[in-house]
PDB file of N, CA and C in Angstrom:
ATOM      1  N   MET A   1     129.865 114.370 110.002  1.00  0.00           N
ATOM      2  CA  MET A   1     129.307 113.216 110.667  1.00  0.00           C
ATOM      3  C   MET A   1     129.795 111.962 109.956  1.00  0.00           C
ATOM      4  N   PHE A   2     130.761 111.263 110.513  1.00  0.00           N
ATOM      5  CA  PHE A   2     131.315 110.023 109.986  1.00  0.00           C
ATOM      6  C   PHE A   2     131.867 110.193 108.575  1.00  0.00           C
ATOM      7  N   GLY A   3     132.224 111.403 108.182  1.00  0.00           N
ATOM      8  CA  GLY A   3     132.767 111.641 106.865  1.00  0.00           C
ATOM      9  C   GLY A   3     131.722 111.570 105.765  1.00  0.00           C
ATOM     10  N   LEU A   4     130.448 111.628 106.120  1.00  0.00           N
ATOM     11  CA  LEU A   4     129.382 111.576 105.125  1.00  0.00           C
ATOM     12  C   LEU A   4     128.938 112.983 104.775  1.00  0.00           C
ATOM     13  N   GLY A   5     128.774 113.215 103.490  1.00  0.00           N
ATOM     14  CA  GLY A   5     128.267 114.500 103.041  1.00  0.00           C
ATOM     15  C   GLY A   5     126.765 114.435 102.831  1.00  0.00           C
ATOM     16  N   THR A   6     126.201 115.540 102.425  1.00  0.00           N
ATOM     17  CA  THR A   6     124.765 115.614 102.198  1.00  0.00           C
ATOM     18  C   THR A   6     124.286 114.619 101.142  1.00  0.00           C
ATOM     19  N   PRO A   7     124.987 114.477 100.019  1.00  0.00           N
ATOM     20  CA  PRO A   7     124.496 113.511  99.016  1.00  0.00           C
ATOM     21  C   PRO A   7     124.454 112.071  99.545  1.00  0.00           C
ATOM     22  N   GLU A   8     125.433 111.684 100.335  1.00  0.00           N
ATOM     23  CA  GLU A   8     125.446 110.333 100.883  1.00  0.00           C
ATOM     24  C   GLU A   8     124.302 110.105 101.870  1.00  0.00           C
ATOM     25  N   ILE A   9     124.051 111.103 102.691  1.00  0.00           N
ATOM     26  CA  ILE A   9     122.962 110.989 103.670  1.00  0.00           C
ATOM     27  C   ILE A   9     121.618 110.897 102.955  1.00  0.00           C
ATOM     28  N   ILE A  10     121.430 111.687 101.915  1.00  0.00           N
ATOM     29  CA  ILE A  10     120.188 111.631 101.146  1.00  0.00           C
ATOM     30  C   ILE A  10     120.036 110.268 100.486  1.00  0.00           C
ATOM     31  N   LEU A  11     121.117 109.737  99.929  1.00  0.00           N
ATOM     32  CA  LEU A  11     121.077 108.417  99.297  1.00  0.00           C
ATOM     33  C   LEU A  11     120.711 107.335 100.309  1.00  0.00           C
ATOM     34  N   ILE A  12     121.285 107.388 101.490  1.00  0.00           N
ATOM     35  CA  ILE A  12     120.972 106.419 102.538  1.00  0.00           C
ATOM     36  C   ILE A  12     119.502 106.521 102.938  1.00  0.00           C
ATOM     37  N   ALA A  13     118.995 107.746 103.081  1.00  0.00           N
ATOM     38  CA  ALA A  13     117.588 107.943 103.435  1.00  0.00           C
ATOM     39  C   ALA A  13     116.662 107.370 102.366  1.00  0.00           C
ATOM     40  N   ILE A  14     117.014 107.558 101.097  1.00  0.00           N
ATOM     41  CA  ILE A  14     116.193 107.030 100.006  1.00  0.00           C
ATOM     42  C   ILE A  14     116.207 105.503 100.022  1.00  0.00           C
ATOM     43  N   VAL A  15     117.378 104.917 100.256  1.00  0.00           N
ATOM     44  CA  VAL A  15     117.479 103.453 100.305  1.00  0.00           C
ATOM     45  C   VAL A  15     116.633 102.902 101.450  1.00  0.00           C
ATOM     46  N   ILE A  16     116.691 103.538 102.605  1.00  0.00           N
ATOM     47  CA  ILE A  16     115.883 103.100 103.751  1.00  0.00           C
ATOM     48  C   ILE A  16     114.396 103.219 103.425  1.00  0.00           C
ATOM     49  N   LEU A  17     114.017 104.321 102.793  1.00  0.00           N
ATOM     50  CA  LEU A  17     112.620 104.521 102.421  1.00  0.00           C
ATOM     51  C   LEU A  17     112.146 103.444 101.453  1.00  0.00           C
ATOM     52  N   VAL A  18     112.989 103.094 100.487  1.00  0.00           N
ATOM     53  CA  VAL A  18     112.613 102.064  99.510  1.00  0.00           C
ATOM     54  C   VAL A  18     112.542 100.688 100.167  1.00  0.00           C
ATOM     55  N   LEU A  19     113.508 100.376 101.022  1.00  0.00           N
ATOM     56  CA  LEU A  19     113.550  99.055 101.641  1.00  0.00           C
ATOM     57  C   LEU A  19     112.397  98.829 102.620  1.00  0.00           C
ATOM     58  N   PHE A  20     112.113  99.802 103.436  1.00  0.00           N
ATOM     59  CA  PHE A  20     111.143  99.610 104.512  1.00  0.00           C
ATOM     60  C   PHE A  20     109.774 100.224 104.235  1.00  0.00           C
ATOM     61  N   GLY A  21     109.699 101.171 103.353  1.00  0.00           N
ATOM     62  CA  GLY A  21     108.428 101.825 103.064  1.00  0.00           C
ATOM     63  C   GLY A  21     108.125 102.920 104.065  1.00  0.00           C
ATOM     64  N   ALA A  22     107.306 103.856 103.654  1.00  0.00           N
ATOM     65  CA  ALA A  22     107.013 105.023 104.490  1.00  0.00           C
ATOM     66  C   ALA A  22     106.243 104.651 105.748  1.00  0.00           C
ATOM     67  N   LYS A  23     105.422 103.618 105.688  1.00  0.00           N
ATOM     68  CA  LYS A  23     104.609 103.250 106.850  1.00  0.00           C
ATOM     69  C   LYS A  23     105.422 102.567 107.935  1.00  0.00           C
ATOM     70  N   LYS A  24     106.486 101.918 107.567  1.00  0.00           N
ATOM     71  CA  LYS A  24     107.271 101.139 108.529  1.00  0.00           C
ATOM     72  C   LYS A  24     108.326 101.994 109.252  1.00  0.00           C
ATOM     73  N   ILE A  25     108.722 103.109 108.666  1.00  0.00           N
ATOM     74  CA  ILE A  25     109.796 103.931 109.244  1.00  0.00           C
ATOM     75  C   ILE A  25     109.455 104.456 110.642  1.00  0.00           C
ATOM     76  N   PRO A  26     108.248 104.957 110.915  1.00  0.00           N
ATOM     77  CA  PRO A  26     107.951 105.402 112.288  1.00  0.00           C
ATOM     78  C   PRO A  26     108.092 104.282 113.319  1.00  0.00           C
ATOM     79  N   GLU A  27     107.700 103.074 112.939  1.00  0.00           N
ATOM     80  CA  GLU A  27     107.853 101.940 113.853  1.00  0.00           C
ATOM     81  C   GLU A  27     109.328 101.648 114.116  1.00  0.00           C
ATOM     82  N   LEU A  28     110.136 101.728 113.083  1.00  0.00           N
ATOM     83  CA  LEU A  28     111.573 101.485 113.241  1.00  0.00           C
ATOM     84  C   LEU A  28     112.208 102.539 114.151  1.00  0.00           C
ATOM     85  N   MET A  29     111.828 103.795 113.949  1.00  0.00           N
ATOM     86  CA  MET A  29     112.390 104.872 114.764  1.00  0.00           C
ATOM     87  C   MET A  29     111.934 104.749 116.219  1.00  0.00           C
ATOM     88  N   GLN A  30     110.700 104.327 116.421  1.00  0.00           N
ATOM     89  CA  GLN A  30     110.196 104.135 117.788  1.00  0.00           C
ATOM     90  C   GLN A  30     110.979 103.022 118.475  1.00  0.00           C
ATOM     91  N   GLY A  31     111.214 101.938 117.768  1.00  0.00           N
ATOM     92  CA  GLY A  31     112.004 100.838 118.323  1.00  0.00           C
ATOM     93  C   GLY A  31     113.430 101.264 118.625  1.00  0.00           C
ATOM     94  N   LEU A  32     114.004 102.055 117.731  1.00  0.00           N
ATOM     95  CA  LEU A  32     115.356 102.557 117.950  1.00  0.00           C
ATOM     96  C   LEU A  32     115.408 103.460 119.180  1.00  0.00           C
ATOM     97  N   GLY A  33     114.409 104.314 119.328  1.00  0.00           N
ATOM     98  CA  GLY A  33     114.344 105.199 120.495  1.00  0.00           C
ATOM     99  C   GLY A  33     114.228 104.422 121.793  1.00  0.00           C
ATOM    100  N   LYS A  34     113.402 103.384 121.799  1.00  0.00           N
ATOM    101  CA  LYS A  34     113.263 102.556 123.001  1.00  0.00           C
ATOM    102  C   LYS A  34     114.562 101.838 123.328  1.00  0.00           C
ATOM    103  N   GLY A  35     115.246 101.371 122.295  1.00  0.00           N
ATOM    104  CA  GLY A  35     116.523 100.692 122.509  1.00  0.00           C
ATOM    105  C   GLY A  35     117.566 101.616 123.105  1.00  0.00           C
ATOM    106  N   ILE A  36     117.639 102.828 122.600  1.00  0.00           N
ATOM    107  CA  ILE A  36     118.595 103.808 123.125  1.00  0.00           C
ATOM    108  C   ILE A  36     118.250 104.148 124.566  1.00  0.00           C
ATOM    109  N   LYS A  37     116.953 104.306 124.851  1.00  0.00           N
ATOM    110  CA  LYS A  37     116.513 104.621 126.216  1.00  0.00           C
ATOM    111  C   LYS A  37     116.908 103.508 127.182  1.00  0.00           C
ATOM    112  N   GLU A  38     116.699 102.253 126.788  1.00  0.00           N
ATOM    113  CA  GLU A  38     117.067 101.116 127.634  1.00  0.00           C
ATOM    114  C   GLU A  38     118.583 101.053 127.844  1.00  0.00           C
ATOM    115  N   PHE A  39     119.333 101.336 126.796  1.00  0.00           N
ATOM    116  CA  PHE A  39     120.797 101.321 126.905  1.00  0.00           C
ATOM    117  C   PHE A  39     121.279 102.381 127.884  1.00  0.00           C
ATOM    118  N   LYS A  40     120.718 103.588 127.778  1.00  0.00           N
ATOM    119  CA  LYS A  40     121.104 104.664 128.697  1.00  0.00           C
ATOM    120  C   LYS A  40     120.733 104.312 130.130  1.00  0.00           C
ATOM    121  N   LYS A  41     119.561 103.706 130.324  1.00  0.00           N
ATOM    122  CA  LYS A  41     119.121 103.319 131.664  1.00  0.00           C
ATOM    123  C   LYS A  41     120.058 102.269 132.247  1.00  0.00           C
ATOM    124  N   ALA A  42     120.421 101.275 131.445  1.00  0.00           N
ATOM    125  CA  ALA A  42     121.328 100.229 131.918  1.00  0.00           C
ATOM    126  C   ALA A  42     122.692 100.817 132.253  1.00  0.00           C
ATOM    127  N   SER A  43     123.182 101.726 131.424  1.00  0.00           N
ATOM    128  CA  SER A  43     124.469 102.369 131.689  1.00  0.00           C
ATOM    129  C   SER A  43     124.422 103.155 132.990  1.00  0.00           C
ATOM    130  N   SER A  44     123.316 103.862 133.199  1.00  0.00           N
ATOM    131  CA  SER A  44     123.150 104.641 134.412  1.00  0.00           C
ATOM    132  C   SER A  44     123.106 103.739 135.643  1.00  0.00           C
ATOM    133  N   ASP A  45     122.387 102.624 135.538  1.00  0.00           N
ATOM    134  CA  ASP A  45     122.293 101.690 136.659  1.00  0.00           C
ATOM    135  C   ASP A  45     123.659 101.100 137.002  1.00  0.00           C
ATOM    136  N   ILE A  46     124.415 100.737 136.000  1.00  0.00           N
ATOM    137  CA  ILE A  46     125.755 100.175 136.233  1.00  0.00           C
ATOM    138  C   ILE A  46     126.652 101.212 136.888  1.00  0.00           C
ATOM    139  N   GLU A  47     126.576 102.455 136.407  1.00  0.00           N
ATOM    140  CA  GLU A  47     127.394 103.519 136.985  1.00  0.00           C
ATOM    141  C   GLU A  47     127.027 103.751 138.454  1.00  0.00           C
ATOM    142  N   LYS A  48     125.729 103.717 138.769  1.00  0.00           N
ATOM    143  CA  LYS A  48     125.287 103.888 140.159  1.00  0.00           C
ATOM    144  C   LYS A  48     125.790 102.749 141.034  1.00  0.00           C
ATOM    145  N   ASP A  49     125.733 101.520 140.509  1.00  0.00           N
ATOM    146  CA  ASP A  49     126.216 100.369 141.263  1.00  0.00           C
ATOM    147  C   ASP A  49     127.703 100.491 141.554  1.00  0.00           C
ATOM    148  N   LEU A  50     128.467 100.898 140.559  1.00  0.00           N
ATOM    149  CA  LEU A  50     129.912 101.041 140.752  1.00  0.00           C
ATOM    150  C   LEU A  50     130.220 102.151 141.746  1.00  0.00           C
ATOM    151  N   THR A  51     129.485 103.239 141.654  1.00  0.00           N
ATOM    152  CA  THR A  51     129.697 104.357 142.567  1.00  0.00           C
ATOM    153  C   THR A  51     129.356 103.960 144.002  1.00  0.00           C
ATOM    154  N   SER A  52     128.246 103.255 144.178  1.00  0.00           N
ATOM    155  CA  SER A  52     127.859 102.847 145.528  1.00  0.00           C
ATOM    156  C   SER A  52     128.846 101.827 146.099  1.00  0.00           C
ATOM    157  N   THR A  53     129.390 100.960 145.254  1.00  0.00           N
ATOM    158  CA  THR A  53     130.384  99.990 145.703  1.00  0.00           C
ATOM    159  C   THR A  53     131.662 100.712 146.148  1.00  0.00           C
ATOM    160  N   ASP A  54     132.073 101.731 145.380  1.00  0.00           N
ATOM    161  CA  ASP A  54     133.255 102.504 145.744  1.00  0.00           C
ATOM    162  C   ASP A  54     133.041 103.227 147.072  1.00  0.00           C
ATOM    163  N   ASP A  55     131.846 103.779 147.282  1.00  0.00           N
ATOM    164  CA  ASP A  55     131.552 104.477 148.527  1.00  0.00           C
ATOM    165  C   ASP A  55     131.595 103.526 149.713  1.00  0.00           C
ATOM    166  N   LYS A  56     131.075 102.313 149.544  1.00  0.00           N
ATOM    167  CA  LYS A  56     131.077 101.340 150.614  1.00  0.00           C
ATOM    168  C   LYS A  56     132.510 100.918 150.977  1.00  0.00           C
ATOM    169  N   GLU A  57     133.364 100.763 149.948  1.00  0.00           N
ATOM    170  CA  GLU A  57     134.744 100.361 150.201  1.00  0.00           C
ATOM    171  C   GLU A  57     135.514 101.460 150.909  1.00  0.00           C
ATOM    172  N   LYS A  58     135.210 102.723 150.597  1.00  0.00           N
ATOM    173  CA  LYS A  58     135.908 103.836 151.241  1.00  0.00           C
ATOM    174  C   LYS A  58     135.539 103.940 152.720  1.00  0.00           C
ATOM    175  N   LYS A  59     134.315 103.558 153.085  1.00  0.00           N
ATOM    176  CA  LYS A  59     133.868 103.654 154.477  1.00  0.00           C
ATOM    177  C   LYS A  59     134.509 102.592 155.343  1.00  0.00           C
ATOM    178  N   VAL A  60     134.882 101.478 154.744  1.00  0.00           N
ATOM    179  CA  VAL A  60     135.445 100.360 155.530  1.00  0.00           C
ATOM    180  C   VAL A  60     136.868 100.589 155.844  1.00  0.00           C
TER     181      VAL A  60
END
């Protein structure tokens, strides 16, 4: 995964834990999850719009 080994991932996790604290991490992950969900929804909507536009052009 991105050329990172287990020691690097553990170090990153420890740094995040120290910077944000254990209580703040669930909130950060929830926000990240919502952001990813919104991004996927927007991507899906754009793809549907492009597909419907292509279908309309083919009918004409």
